[in-house]
Amino acid sequence: MSHIPHPSDLVVTSDGILVCKGRSFRCALGKTGITDTKREGDGATPVGRWKLRYVLYRADRRAAPVTALPVQAITPDDGWCDDPAHASYNRPVRLPCAASHEKLWREDGLYDLVVTLTHNDAPAIPGNGSAIFMHIARPGYSGTEGCIALAADDLETVLGDCRRDTHIVILPQTSPA
């Protein structure tokens, strides 16, 4: 897979910077860093280039973001399957769901604004990572489970610059000079 960014791509560096149209934004990455060999539960952000599919948001907490990407509201019944043995692995599911899953309707606000990515979804390969999103960062930008997380205002700004063909490029770890 090519990691060479196109001019319209969002570019994420291993030191936690997302670049969008020449502007830089701080972001949180996986708590175990960046990897070329993503595995379910490893806590790493996968290197690669993925299309931004659609945006989810909590309509009870915020207005729909202004973006060219498709947007839909999250409901309390929305989840995302992270069970490699389940047929719905790395896909949205309705709750309750017997398989292991993430709840998208979260109390902590991290998923009040979520961008789904095409990482490991065409087709999903069991065990190669699920639920790799762009979402709202925790205070202090602590590490994620593998997602890219930005401050809410920064994420809204970035989404305003996205087109339907926008991709995100996660660059490999840079070697110290």
Protein backbone atom coordinates (compact mmCIF):
# COMPACT_ATOMS: atom_id res chain seq x y z
CA MET A 1 0.00 0.00 0.00
CA SER A 2 1.31 3.44 -0.92
CA HIS A 3 1.88 5.89 1.90
CA ILE A 4 2.60 8.78 -0.48
CA PRO A 5 0.05 11.48 0.32
CA HIS A 6 -2.04 13.19 -2.32
CA PRO A 7 -2.54 16.99 -2.03
CA SER A 8 -6.09 16.58 -0.65
CA ASP A 9 -5.12 13.94 1.94
CA LEU A 10 -5.03 14.41 5.68
CA VAL A 11 -1.53 13.41 6.80
CA VAL A 12 -0.72 12.08 10.28
CA THR A 13 2.85 11.87 11.51
CA SER A 14 4.13 9.50 14.17
CA ASP A 15 4.73 12.43 16.54
CA GLY A 16 0.99 13.17 16.77
CA ILE A 17 0.45 15.90 14.19
CA LEU A 18 -2.38 15.87 11.64
CA VAL A 19 -1.86 18.16 8.64
CA CYS A 20 -4.89 19.37 6.70
CA LYS A 21 -4.52 21.88 3.86
CA GLY A 22 -1.26 23.22 5.27
CA ARG A 23 -2.55 23.60 8.85
CA SER A 24 -1.24 21.42 11.69
CA PHE A 25 -3.37 19.99 14.51
CA ARG A 26 -2.26 18.03 17.56
CA CYS A 27 -3.70 14.51 17.67
CA ALA A 28 -3.53 11.44 19.86
CA LEU A 29 -2.50 8.12 18.36
CA GLY A 30 -2.48 4.54 19.61
CA LYS A 31 -1.13 4.08 23.13
CA THR A 32 1.47 1.63 21.76
CA GLY A 33 2.44 3.81 18.79
CA ILE A 34 2.17 3.18 15.06
CA THR A 35 2.44 -0.19 13.33
CA ASP A 36 2.72 -1.70 9.86
CA THR A 37 1.17 -4.94 11.16
CA LYS A 38 -2.08 -4.00 12.92
CA ARG A 39 -3.66 -6.71 15.08
CA GLU A 40 -6.90 -6.60 17.06
CA GLY A 41 -6.33 -5.22 20.55
CA ASP A 42 -2.68 -4.18 20.06
CA GLY A 43 -3.39 -0.52 20.88
CA ALA A 44 -1.50 0.69 17.80
CA THR A 45 -2.51 3.05 15.01
CA PRO A 46 -2.13 1.33 11.64
CA VAL A 47 0.14 2.81 8.96
CA GLY A 48 -1.61 3.31 5.62
CA ARG A 49 -3.97 5.38 3.50
CA TRP A 50 -7.74 5.11 4.00
CA LYS A 51 -10.78 6.91 2.69
CA LEU A 52 -12.98 8.75 5.14
CA ARG A 53 -16.35 6.95 4.80
CA TYR A 54 -18.89 8.85 6.88
CA VAL A 55 -19.37 10.87 10.06
CA LEU A 56 -21.39 9.89 13.12
CA TYR A 57 -22.42 12.35 15.81
CA ARG A 58 -24.46 12.61 19.02
CA ALA A 59 -27.40 14.82 18.04
CA ASP A 60 -28.40 15.16 21.71
CA ARG A 61 -25.04 16.83 22.45
CA ARG A 62 -24.05 18.75 19.31
CA ALA A 63 -25.21 19.95 15.92
CA ALA A 64 -24.37 17.96 12.82
CA PRO A 65 -20.90 18.93 11.57
CA VAL A 66 -20.57 20.96 8.40
CA THR A 67 -18.79 18.66 5.95
CA ALA A 68 -19.09 17.20 2.45
CA LEU A 69 -18.90 13.69 3.96
CA PRO A 70 -22.11 11.74 4.62
CA VAL A 71 -23.35 12.39 8.18
CA GLN A 72 -25.72 10.43 10.42
CA ALA A 73 -26.76 10.63 14.05
CA ILE A 74 -25.75 7.93 16.54
CA THR A 75 -28.48 6.22 18.56
CA PRO A 76 -28.19 4.35 21.87
CA ASP A 77 -28.55 1.09 19.90
CA ASP A 78 -25.45 1.66 17.73
CA GLY A 79 -22.33 -0.43 18.22
CA TRP A 80 -19.27 -1.62 16.28
CA CYS A 81 -18.28 -5.29 16.26
CA ASP A 82 -14.68 -6.00 17.35
CA ASP A 83 -15.02 -9.79 17.59
CA PRO A 84 -12.78 -11.42 14.94
CA ALA A 85 -14.86 -14.63 15.12
CA HIS A 86 -18.16 -12.86 14.32
CA ALA A 87 -19.63 -12.36 10.83
CA SER A 88 -20.05 -8.62 11.53
CA TYR A 89 -16.39 -8.07 12.48
CA ASN A 90 -15.33 -4.45 11.89
CA ARG A 91 -18.83 -3.36 10.94
CA PRO A 92 -21.62 -1.46 12.65
CA VAL A 93 -24.05 -3.55 14.68
CA ARG A 94 -27.32 -2.93 16.50
CA LEU A 95 -27.31 -3.42 20.25
CA PRO A 96 -27.78 -5.62 22.09
CA CYS A 97 -25.24 -7.77 20.27
CA ALA A 98 -23.93 -11.07 21.63
CA ALA A 99 -20.50 -10.58 20.00
CA SER A 100 -17.80 -8.36 21.51
CA HIS A 101 -18.41 -4.76 20.43
CA GLU A 102 -17.87 -1.11 21.18
CA LYS A 103 -20.81 1.08 22.15
CA LEU A 104 -20.90 4.17 19.96
CA TRP A 105 -23.25 6.01 22.35
CA ARG A 106 -20.62 6.80 25.00
CA GLU A 107 -20.85 8.79 28.20
CA ASP A 108 -17.26 10.14 27.96
CA GLY A 109 -17.95 12.22 24.83
CA LEU A 110 -15.12 10.71 22.75
CA TYR A 111 -17.59 9.48 20.13
CA ASP A 112 -19.78 12.58 20.10
CA LEU A 113 -18.11 13.10 16.70
CA VAL A 114 -16.65 10.07 14.88
CA VAL A 115 -15.30 9.57 11.37
CA THR A 116 -15.30 6.00 10.07
CA LEU A 117 -12.35 4.95 7.93
CA THR A 118 -11.88 2.20 5.35
CA HIS A 119 -9.21 0.45 7.44
CA ASN A 120 -9.65 -3.36 7.14
CA ASP A 121 -13.15 -3.26 5.74
CA ALA A 122 -13.12 -4.39 2.09
CA PRO A 123 -13.28 -7.17 3.15
CA ALA A 124 -12.60 -7.21 6.87
CA ILE A 125 -9.86 -9.73 7.68
CA PRO A 126 -10.49 -11.24 11.13
CA GLY A 127 -7.89 -10.08 13.64
CA ASN A 128 -6.41 -7.25 11.50
CA GLY A 129 -8.00 -4.49 13.57
CA SER A 130 -11.44 -2.97 13.92
CA ALA A 131 -13.05 0.35 14.81
CA ILE A 132 -10.15 2.51 13.64
CA PHE A 133 -11.79 5.95 13.69
CA MET A 134 -11.03 9.64 13.90
CA HIS A 135 -12.77 10.94 17.02
CA ILE A 136 -12.56 13.45 19.87
CA ALA A 137 -9.42 13.30 22.02
CA ARG A 138 -9.32 12.84 25.77
CA PRO A 139 -8.05 15.80 27.79
CA GLY A 140 -4.26 15.66 27.64
CA TYR A 141 -4.35 13.67 24.36
CA SER A 142 -3.69 10.33 26.07
CA GLY A 143 -3.20 7.35 23.78
CA THR A 144 -6.10 5.65 21.98
CA GLU A 145 -6.81 1.99 21.21
CA GLY A 146 -5.51 2.69 17.68
CA CYS A 147 -7.64 5.62 16.53
CA ILE A 148 -6.64 9.17 15.61
CA ALA A 149 -8.13 11.66 18.08
CA LEU A 150 -8.30 15.45 17.89
CA ALA A 151 -9.76 18.25 20.01
CA ALA A 152 -13.47 18.62 19.16
CA ASP A 153 -13.03 22.07 17.56
CA ASP A 154 -10.05 20.85 15.52
CA LEU A 155 -11.97 17.79 14.32
CA GLU A 156 -14.85 20.04 13.22
CA THR A 157 -12.41 22.32 11.38
CA VAL A 158 -10.81 19.36 9.60
CA LEU A 159 -14.22 17.94 8.64
CA GLY A 160 -15.15 21.30 7.12
CA ASP A 161 -12.22 20.87 4.71
CA CYS A 162 -13.00 17.24 3.79
CA ARG A 163 -14.46 16.15 0.50
CA ARG A 164 -16.12 12.86 -0.37
CA ASP A 165 -12.79 11.65 -1.81
CA THR A 166 -10.65 12.69 1.18
CA HIS A 167 -8.24 10.08 2.55
CA ILE A 168 -6.17 9.97 5.71
CA VAL A 169 -2.54 8.86 5.50
CA ILE A 170 -0.85 7.52 8.63
CA LEU A 171 2.87 7.77 8.00
CA PRO A 172 5.30 5.14 9.32
CA GLN A 173 7.33 5.78 12.46
CA THR A 174 10.25 8.07 11.67
CA SER A 175 13.72 6.99 12.69
CA PRO A 176 15.72 9.32 14.93
CA ALA A 177 18.41 11.19 13.00
